[in-house]
């Protein structure tokens, strides 16, 4: 069976920080979903974020993670219009799995 359903995770609060200059942003979600090294996309703005910390439970239905925006030159700034309470995000990938796949492909090519 094939499905295109990707779970949406809602913001529990407006993020703290803008990510300017590659700084981290504190984001809060209504559930413990994103883990360190996950990559997710903000649905309204299509900006991608890379999780750099483990989730921290602050209250029931309130989990914080530190993230960095994914861009080429650290010039991007978080668009808060898509990060209001109730706005959604969706999982895209896990950076560790991607790194492992790249290392494996290089190892296979070198043999």
Protein backbone atom coordinates (compact mmCIF):
# COMPACT_ATOMS: atom_id res chain seq x y z
CA UNK A 1 0.00 0.00 0.00
CA UNK A 2 1.32 3.45 -0.89
CA UNK A 3 0.41 6.71 0.79
CA UNK A 4 1.33 10.36 0.40
CA UNK A 5 0.31 11.33 3.92
CA UNK A 6 2.98 13.22 5.82
CA UNK A 7 2.14 14.15 9.39
CA UNK A 8 1.85 17.87 10.09
CA UNK A 9 3.24 19.18 13.38
CA UNK A 10 1.82 22.43 14.79
CA UNK A 11 3.73 25.28 16.38
CA UNK A 12 2.92 25.71 20.08
CA UNK A 13 4.41 29.21 20.19
CA UNK A 14 6.06 31.81 17.97
CA UNK A 15 9.78 31.02 17.48
CA UNK A 16 12.45 32.97 19.36
CA UNK A 17 15.19 34.31 17.09
CA UNK A 18 15.45 34.94 13.37
CA UNK A 19 18.39 32.75 12.36
CA UNK A 20 20.23 35.78 11.02
CA UNK A 21 23.90 35.02 10.41
CA UNK A 22 23.39 31.30 11.02
CA UNK A 23 22.25 31.72 14.63
CA UNK A 24 19.95 29.17 16.22
CA UNK A 25 16.21 29.62 16.56
CA UNK A 26 14.16 28.19 19.43
CA UNK A 27 10.97 26.59 18.11
CA UNK A 28 8.17 25.11 20.20
CA UNK A 29 5.82 22.37 19.02
CA UNK A 30 2.69 20.79 20.47
CA UNK A 31 4.25 17.33 20.50
CA UNK A 32 7.60 15.57 20.72
CA UNK A 33 8.14 14.84 17.06
CA UNK A 34 11.35 16.37 15.69
CA UNK A 35 14.64 14.95 16.92
CA UNK A 36 18.25 16.08 16.60
CA UNK A 37 19.47 16.01 12.95
CA UNK A 38 15.93 16.04 11.49
CA UNK A 39 15.13 18.37 8.62
CA UNK A 40 11.64 19.81 8.32
CA UNK A 41 9.80 22.36 6.20
CA UNK A 42 7.49 25.15 7.36
CA UNK A 43 4.32 24.72 5.27
CA UNK A 44 3.39 28.39 4.71
CA UNK A 45 6.86 29.73 3.90
CA UNK A 46 8.53 26.56 2.56
CA UNK A 47 11.66 27.41 4.59
CA UNK A 48 13.68 24.40 5.70
CA UNK A 49 15.08 23.94 9.21
CA UNK A 50 17.75 21.63 10.60
CA UNK A 51 17.29 20.50 14.22
CA UNK A 52 20.53 20.94 16.21
CA UNK A 53 19.35 19.89 19.71
CA UNK A 54 17.35 17.18 21.36
CA UNK A 55 13.76 18.14 22.23
CA UNK A 56 13.13 19.57 25.68
CA UNK A 57 9.74 19.16 27.34
CA UNK A 58 8.70 22.46 28.93
CA UNK A 59 5.04 21.57 29.65
CA UNK A 60 2.28 19.27 28.48
CA UNK A 61 1.98 19.69 24.71
CA UNK A 62 4.99 22.04 24.59
CA UNK A 63 8.36 20.78 23.29
CA UNK A 64 11.27 23.03 22.33
CA UNK A 65 14.07 22.36 19.85
CA UNK A 66 16.92 24.52 18.58
CA UNK A 67 17.10 24.78 14.79
CA UNK A 68 19.10 26.49 12.06
CA UNK A 69 17.71 27.63 8.74
CA UNK A 70 19.02 25.75 5.73
CA UNK A 71 20.47 28.16 3.17
CA UNK A 72 23.65 28.63 1.16
CA UNK A 73 25.19 31.69 2.76
CA UNK A 74 23.58 32.46 6.17
CA UNK A 75 21.71 35.43 4.69
CA UNK A 76 18.26 33.93 5.23
CA UNK A 77 16.02 35.18 8.02
CA UNK A 78 13.06 33.26 9.44
CA UNK A 79 9.72 34.42 8.02
CA UNK A 80 7.55 34.57 11.13
CA UNK A 81 4.34 34.82 9.04
CA UNK A 82 4.37 31.04 8.71
CA UNK A 83 5.36 30.30 12.30
CA UNK A 84 2.36 31.43 14.31
CA UNK A 85 0.63 29.20 16.87
CA UNK A 86 -1.23 26.48 14.97
CA UNK A 87 0.77 26.86 11.73
CA UNK A 88 2.21 23.55 10.55
CA UNK A 89 5.49 21.95 9.61
CA UNK A 90 6.33 18.60 8.03
CA UNK A 91 9.24 16.19 8.28
CA UNK A 92 11.48 15.97 5.23
CA UNK A 93 14.58 13.98 6.06
CA UNK A 94 17.21 13.04 8.60
CA UNK A 95 20.69 14.44 7.99
CA UNK A 96 22.47 11.48 9.59
CA UNK A 97 20.84 9.02 7.17
CA UNK A 98 21.82 11.23 4.23
CA UNK A 99 25.40 11.50 5.47
CA UNK A 100 25.60 7.72 5.89
CA UNK A 101 24.28 7.18 2.35
CA UNK A 102 26.90 9.58 0.94
CA UNK A 103 29.72 7.85 2.82
CA UNK A 104 28.48 4.44 1.69
CA UNK A 105 28.28 5.51 -1.97
CA UNK A 106 31.81 6.93 -1.87
CA UNK A 107 33.08 3.73 -0.28
CA UNK A 108 31.39 1.60 -2.95
CA UNK A 109 32.75 3.78 -5.77
CA UNK A 110 36.31 3.63 -4.43
CA UNK A 111 36.35 -0.21 -4.55
